[in-house]
């Protein structure tokens, strides 16, 4: 009985030792096998692997995926104009050299992020101090990010890290400068608005003057054409009347006398002082005979 218990205990010890020599590497991880703090080998291929049982060899795992370093608060920097700005940036990174990364930080990701934060801040400070606010915000933002990416990449290689991307999320003035910037922007917008308004008023006056000129020209031409047509019509009417009255001159005289009578006696109270035997009443006195009797 005692021998069976001893065999069972021995089997359990052997099994536990064997289990401690096996480990599985996930496809998202690096495995570093070390003995007494010295790195023995780095495993990047997923699968089942073997090692010596502790304390002869131990294994730790490092993430091989792309990680993000995003600072919770924006950092303050001074531009070439001696103005304070707030810059919020983030970095995409991954472990490129697991052995060097482990030697640098003993696998502690927090220490690695702190070190990269220092590197990024130093690169940002070096680039921003050489440029104005306009260049950082819009003019040379691409150049700034490229320069920062290069500097950070060179520094990160020394700690076994590969920088995938560096981006500036936000670049803003500090609160003390925002008000003056907004006032200057508002003044600039007001100036542009006034300039556009004055330009529009000038164009309006120009268009109105041109329209008035065209109106005057059109009316003058229309009046000239109307007078020309009226003159042509009067000439034709005179010609027709002349031809018509020329066929019977006595009738023309009679017709003109009637027109004269109509013009002279418009109302019942009209009074005309003239000799009754004058030529004016020739047809008036002989109205019964008509123009035919006078023609005899």
Protein backbone atom coordinates (compact mmCIF):
# COMPACT_ATOMS: atom_id res chain seq x y z
CA UNK A 1 0.00 0.00 0.00
CA UNK A 2 2.76 2.39 0.93
CA UNK A 3 4.59 1.45 -2.25
CA UNK A 4 1.46 2.30 -4.36
CA UNK A 5 1.18 5.71 -2.73
CA UNK A 6 4.85 6.34 -3.37
CA UNK A 7 4.46 5.36 -7.01
CA UNK A 8 1.45 7.67 -7.37
CA UNK A 9 3.29 10.60 -5.82
CA UNK A 10 6.29 9.98 -8.03
CA UNK A 11 4.05 9.81 -11.12
CA UNK A 12 2.41 13.09 -10.22
CA UNK A 13 5.78 14.74 -9.73
CA UNK A 14 7.03 13.42 -13.07
CA UNK A 15 3.80 14.56 -14.80
CA UNK A 16 4.00 18.04 -13.32
CA UNK A 17 7.63 18.29 -14.38
CA UNK A 18 6.72 17.20 -17.90
CA UNK A 19 3.83 19.68 -18.02
CA UNK A 20 6.14 22.48 -16.94
CA UNK A 21 8.38 21.75 -19.93
CA UNK A 22 5.52 22.29 -22.41
CA UNK A 23 4.06 25.63 -23.41
CA UNK A 24 1.86 26.91 -26.24
CA UNK A 25 2.71 30.05 -28.23
CA UNK A 26 -0.31 31.96 -29.50
CA UNK A 27 -0.15 33.49 -33.00
CA UNK A 28 -0.57 36.96 -31.45
CA UNK A 29 2.37 36.54 -29.08
CA UNK A 30 6.14 36.30 -28.92
CA UNK A 31 7.61 33.79 -26.45
CA UNK A 32 10.95 34.51 -24.74
CA UNK A 33 12.66 31.64 -22.98
CA UNK A 34 15.25 32.75 -20.41
CA UNK A 35 17.28 31.15 -17.69
CA UNK A 36 18.34 33.08 -14.61
CA UNK A 37 17.55 36.39 -16.35
CA UNK A 38 19.46 35.50 -19.53
CA UNK A 39 17.52 35.23 -22.77
CA UNK A 40 18.03 31.83 -24.34
CA UNK A 41 15.76 32.01 -27.36
CA UNK A 42 12.88 33.92 -28.90
CA UNK A 43 9.95 32.04 -30.41
CA UNK A 44 7.69 33.82 -32.88
CA UNK A 45 6.02 30.81 -34.53
CA UNK A 46 2.76 29.63 -32.95
CA UNK A 47 2.43 26.05 -31.69
CA UNK A 48 3.59 23.66 -28.97
CA UNK A 49 7.16 24.15 -27.69
CA UNK A 50 9.47 22.68 -25.04
CA UNK A 51 11.77 24.12 -22.40
CA UNK A 52 13.51 23.03 -19.26
CA UNK A 53 11.39 22.96 -16.13
CA UNK A 54 11.60 25.87 -13.69
CA UNK A 55 13.76 27.23 -12.21
CA UNK A 56 16.17 26.22 -14.96
CA UNK A 57 14.13 27.98 -17.67
CA UNK A 58 11.10 30.26 -17.64
CA UNK A 59 9.01 31.80 -20.42
CA UNK A 60 7.22 35.11 -20.82
CA UNK A 61 4.93 36.26 -23.62
CA UNK A 62 4.99 39.58 -25.49
CA UNK A 63 2.23 40.98 -27.69
CA UNK A 64 3.18 41.08 -31.37
CA UNK A 65 0.10 43.06 -32.48
CA UNK A 66 0.05 46.78 -33.34
CA UNK A 67 -0.49 48.73 -30.12
CA UNK A 68 -1.61 52.30 -29.56
CA UNK A 69 0.02 54.89 -27.33
CA UNK A 70 -2.47 57.69 -26.74
CA UNK A 71 -1.78 60.25 -24.05
CA UNK A 72 -4.89 61.27 -22.06
CA UNK A 73 -3.91 64.94 -21.95
CA UNK A 74 -2.39 67.30 -24.49
CA UNK A 75 1.18 68.51 -23.92
CA UNK A 76 2.21 72.15 -24.06
CA UNK A 77 4.92 73.29 -26.48
CA UNK A 78 6.40 76.65 -27.50
CA UNK A 79 6.56 77.60 -31.18
CA UNK A 80 9.17 79.71 -32.96
CA UNK A 81 6.92 82.73 -32.26
CA UNK A 82 7.17 82.05 -28.51
CA UNK A 83 3.50 81.10 -28.36
CA UNK A 84 2.18 78.24 -26.26
CA UNK A 85 0.16 75.57 -28.03
CA UNK A 86 -1.40 72.32 -26.90
CA UNK A 87 -0.58 69.24 -28.99
CA UNK A 88 -2.42 65.93 -28.65
CA UNK A 89 -0.75 63.06 -30.52
CA UNK A 90 -0.97 59.28 -30.72
CA UNK A 91 1.43 56.58 -31.89
CA UNK A 92 0.89 53.15 -33.43
CA UNK A 93 3.73 50.80 -32.53
CA UNK A 94 4.69 47.13 -32.26
CA UNK A 95 7.55 45.04 -30.97
CA UNK A 96 10.10 44.48 -33.74
CA UNK A 97 12.98 42.95 -31.76
CA UNK A 98 11.60 40.92 -28.81
CA UNK A 99 15.08 40.19 -27.39
CA UNK A 100 16.12 43.86 -27.34
CA UNK A 101 12.69 44.88 -26.05
CA UNK A 102 12.94 42.38 -23.17
CA UNK A 103 16.46 43.50 -22.29
CA UNK A 104 15.35 47.15 -22.31
CA UNK A 105 12.17 46.79 -20.25
CA UNK A 106 12.13 43.17 -18.95
CA UNK A 107 8.87 42.78 -20.80
CA UNK A 108 7.08 45.56 -18.91
CA UNK A 109 4.77 47.30 -21.41
CA UNK A 110 4.13 50.23 -19.06
CA UNK A 111 7.83 51.05 -18.92
CA UNK A 112 8.01 50.80 -22.71
CA UNK A 113 5.10 53.23 -23.13
CA UNK A 114 6.67 55.69 -20.69
CA UNK A 115 9.93 55.56 -22.62
CA UNK A 116 8.17 56.09 -25.97
CA UNK A 117 6.17 58.99 -24.50
CA UNK A 118 9.45 60.68 -23.63
CA UNK A 119 10.82 60.04 -27.12
CA UNK A 120 7.69 61.43 -28.80
CA UNK A 121 7.57 64.48 -26.57
CA UNK A 122 11.24 65.26 -27.30
CA UNK A 123 10.66 64.87 -31.06
CA UNK A 124 7.56 67.10 -30.94
CA UNK A 125 9.40 69.75 -28.95
CA UNK A 126 12.34 69.73 -31.38
CA UNK A 127 10.14 70.14 -34.45
CA UNK A 128 7.56 72.59 -33.07
CA UNK A 129 10.13 75.02 -31.67
CA UNK A 130 11.47 75.47 -35.23
CA UNK A 131 8.08 76.36 -36.77
CA UNK A 132 5.32 78.92 -36.44
CA UNK A 133 1.78 78.17 -35.35
CA UNK A 134 0.48 78.40 -38.91
CA UNK A 135 3.08 75.93 -40.15
CA UNK A 136 2.28 73.46 -37.37
CA UNK A 137 -1.49 73.71 -37.82
CA UNK A 138 -1.82 73.75 -41.60
CA UNK A 139 1.12 74.97 -43.66
CA UNK A 140 3.70 72.25 -42.92
CA UNK A 141 1.75 69.78 -40.84
CA UNK A 142 2.66 66.91 -43.14
CA UNK A 143 6.36 67.80 -42.93
CA UNK A 144 6.13 68.04 -39.14
CA UNK A 145 4.58 64.57 -38.85
CA UNK A 146 7.12 63.06 -41.26
CA UNK A 147 10.03 64.56 -39.33
CA UNK A 148 8.59 63.39 -36.01
CA UNK A 149 7.97 59.92 -37.43
CA UNK A 150 11.59 59.66 -38.58
CA UNK A 151 13.03 60.83 -35.26
CA UNK A 152 10.78 58.57 -33.21
CA UNK A 153 11.48 55.60 -35.48
CA UNK A 154 15.24 56.04 -35.12
CA UNK A 155 14.98 56.28 -31.33
CA UNK A 156 12.52 53.38 -31.04
CA UNK A 157 14.79 51.00 -32.94
CA UNK A 158 17.26 51.20 -30.08
CA UNK A 159 14.67 49.67 -27.72
CA UNK A 160 13.36 47.03 -30.14
CA UNK A 161 10.19 48.89 -31.16
CA UNK A 162 8.89 49.63 -34.66
CA UNK A 163 6.82 52.81 -35.10
CA UNK A 164 3.94 52.23 -37.50
CA UNK A 165 2.43 55.72 -37.51
CA UNK A 166 2.51 59.05 -35.67
CA UNK A 167 -0.42 61.47 -35.89
CA UNK A 168 -1.31 64.83 -34.40
CA UNK A 169 -4.92 64.59 -33.27
CA UNK A 170 -5.33 68.18 -32.15
CA UNK A 171 -3.26 71.35 -32.18
CA UNK A 172 -4.79 74.24 -30.26
CA UNK A 173 -3.88 77.45 -28.50
CA UNK A 174 -3.91 77.69 -24.75
CA UNK A 175 -6.95 79.43 -23.28
CA UNK A 176 -5.17 82.76 -22.83
CA UNK A 177 -4.42 83.03 -26.54
CA UNK A 178 -7.72 81.67 -27.87
CA UNK A 179 -9.65 84.88 -27.17
CA UNK A 180 -7.14 87.11 -28.96
CA UNK A 181 -7.03 84.70 -31.89
CA UNK A 182 -10.82 84.64 -32.14
CA UNK A 183 -10.95 88.44 -31.96
CA UNK A 184 -8.38 88.69 -34.74
CA UNK A 185 -10.27 86.17 -36.85
CA UNK A 186 -13.54 88.04 -36.24
CA UNK A 187 -11.93 91.35 -37.25
CA UNK A 188 -10.55 89.73 -40.40
CA UNK A 189 -13.97 88.33 -41.29
CA UNK A 190 -15.60 91.73 -40.69
CA UNK A 191 -13.00 93.38 -42.91
CA UNK A 192 -13.61 90.87 -45.69
CA UNK A 193 -17.39 91.27 -45.31
CA UNK A 194 -17.14 95.06 -45.53
CA UNK A 195 -14.89 94.78 -48.56
CA UNK A 196 -17.32 92.43 -50.28
CA UNK A 197 -20.23 94.68 -49.32
CA UNK A 198 -18.55 97.78 -50.76
CA UNK A 199 -17.58 95.88 -53.89
CA UNK A 200 -21.16 94.69 -54.26
CA UNK A 201 -22.50 98.24 -53.81
CA UNK A 202 -20.11 99.53 -56.48
CA UNK A 203 -21.13 96.77 -58.86
CA UNK A 204 -24.80 97.49 -58.10
CA UNK A 205 -24.36 101.17 -58.95
CA UNK A 206 -22.50 100.23 -62.12
CA UNK A 207 -25.23 97.82 -63.20
CA UNK A 208 -27.96 100.34 -62.32
CA UNK A 209 -26.22 103.12 -64.30
CA UNK A 210 -25.80 100.80 -67.29
CA UNK A 211 -29.47 99.80 -67.08
CA UNK A 212 -30.55 103.47 -66.95
CA UNK A 213 -28.36 104.24 -69.95
CA UNK A 214 -29.82 101.35 -71.90
CA UNK A 215 -33.34 102.45 -70.91
CA UNK A 216 -32.67 105.99 -72.15
CA UNK A 217 -31.22 104.70 -75.41
CA UNK A 218 -34.11 102.31 -75.96
CA UNK A 219 -36.71 105.01 -75.24
CA UNK A 220 -34.93 107.47 -77.52
CA UNK A 221 -34.75 104.96 -80.34
CA UNK A 222 -38.39 103.98 -79.80
CA UNK A 223 -39.45 107.66 -79.82
CA UNK A 224 -37.42 108.29 -82.98
CA UNK A 225 -38.97 105.28 -84.71
CA UNK A 226 -42.45 106.28 -83.50
CA UNK A 227 -42.01 109.84 -84.79
CA UNK A 228 -40.66 108.52 -88.05
CA UNK A 229 -43.64 106.18 -88.42
CA UNK A 230 -46.04 108.97 -87.42
CA UNK A 231 -44.43 111.30 -89.94
CA UNK A 232 -44.68 108.68 -92.66
CA UNK A 233 -48.31 108.12 -91.73
CA UNK A 234 -49.11 111.82 -91.74
CA UNK A 235 -47.40 112.20 -95.11
CA UNK A 236 -49.39 109.34 -96.56
CA UNK A 237 -52.60 110.69 -94.99
CA UNK A 238 -51.91 114.14 -96.43
CA UNK A 239 -51.23 112.59 -99.80
CA UNK A 240 -54.46 110.60 -99.65
CA UNK A 241 -56.46 113.64 -98.50
CA UNK A 242 -54.87 115.72 -101.23
CA UNK A 243 -55.73 113.19 -103.88
CA UNK A 244 -59.27 112.80 -102.52
CA UNK A 245 -59.97 116.49 -102.18
CA UNK A 246 -58.21 117.28 -105.43
CA UNK A 247 -60.91 115.42 -107.32
CA UNK A 248 -63.53 118.02 -106.12
CA UNK A 249 -62.00 121.31 -104.85
CA UNK A 250 -65.42 122.78 -104.05
CA UNK A 251 -66.25 119.88 -101.76
CA UNK A 252 -62.92 120.44 -100.04
CA UNK A 253 -63.82 124.07 -99.41
CA UNK A 254 -67.22 123.01 -98.07
CA UNK A 255 -65.62 120.43 -95.79
CA UNK A 256 -63.13 122.97 -94.45
CA UNK A 257 -65.96 125.41 -93.77
CA UNK A 258 -67.80 122.78 -91.75
CA UNK A 259 -64.65 122.12 -89.76
CA UNK A 260 -64.33 125.86 -89.14
CA UNK A 261 -67.96 126.10 -88.01
CA UNK A 262 -67.47 123.14 -85.65
CA UNK A 263 -64.37 124.70 -84.15
CA UNK A 264 -66.03 128.14 -83.76
CA UNK A 265 -69.33 127.04 -82.23
CA UNK A 266 -68.41 124.46 -79.62
CA UNK A 267 -71.02 125.56 -77.08
CA UNK A 268 -74.42 127.23 -77.07
CA UNK A 269 -73.07 130.32 -75.34
CA UNK A 270 -70.28 130.90 -77.80
CA UNK A 271 -70.40 134.29 -79.50
CA UNK A 272 -68.74 135.33 -82.74
CA UNK A 273 -68.55 139.00 -83.81
CA UNK A 274 -68.18 139.07 -87.57
CA UNK A 275 -69.92 140.54 -90.60
CA UNK A 276 -72.83 138.28 -91.60
CA UNK A 277 -72.08 138.91 -95.26
CA UNK A 278 -68.47 137.81 -94.95
CA UNK A 279 -67.05 134.90 -96.86
CA UNK A 280 -66.98 132.92 -93.60
CA UNK A 281 -70.77 132.39 -93.70
CA UNK A 282 -70.88 131.56 -97.39
CA UNK A 283 -71.84 127.90 -96.95
CA UNK A 284 -73.68 128.59 -93.72
CA UNK A 285 -76.21 130.82 -95.50
CA UNK A 286 -76.50 128.54 -98.55
CA UNK A 287 -76.58 125.25 -96.66
CA UNK A 288 -79.77 124.18 -98.38
CA UNK A 289 -78.15 124.41 -101.75
CA UNK A 290 -75.02 122.59 -100.66
CA UNK A 291 -71.72 122.65 -102.40
CA UNK A 292 -73.32 121.71 -105.67
CA UNK A 293 -75.40 124.93 -105.80
CA UNK A 294 -72.40 127.07 -104.99
CA UNK A 295 -70.46 125.35 -107.72
CA UNK A 296 -72.95 126.76 -110.30
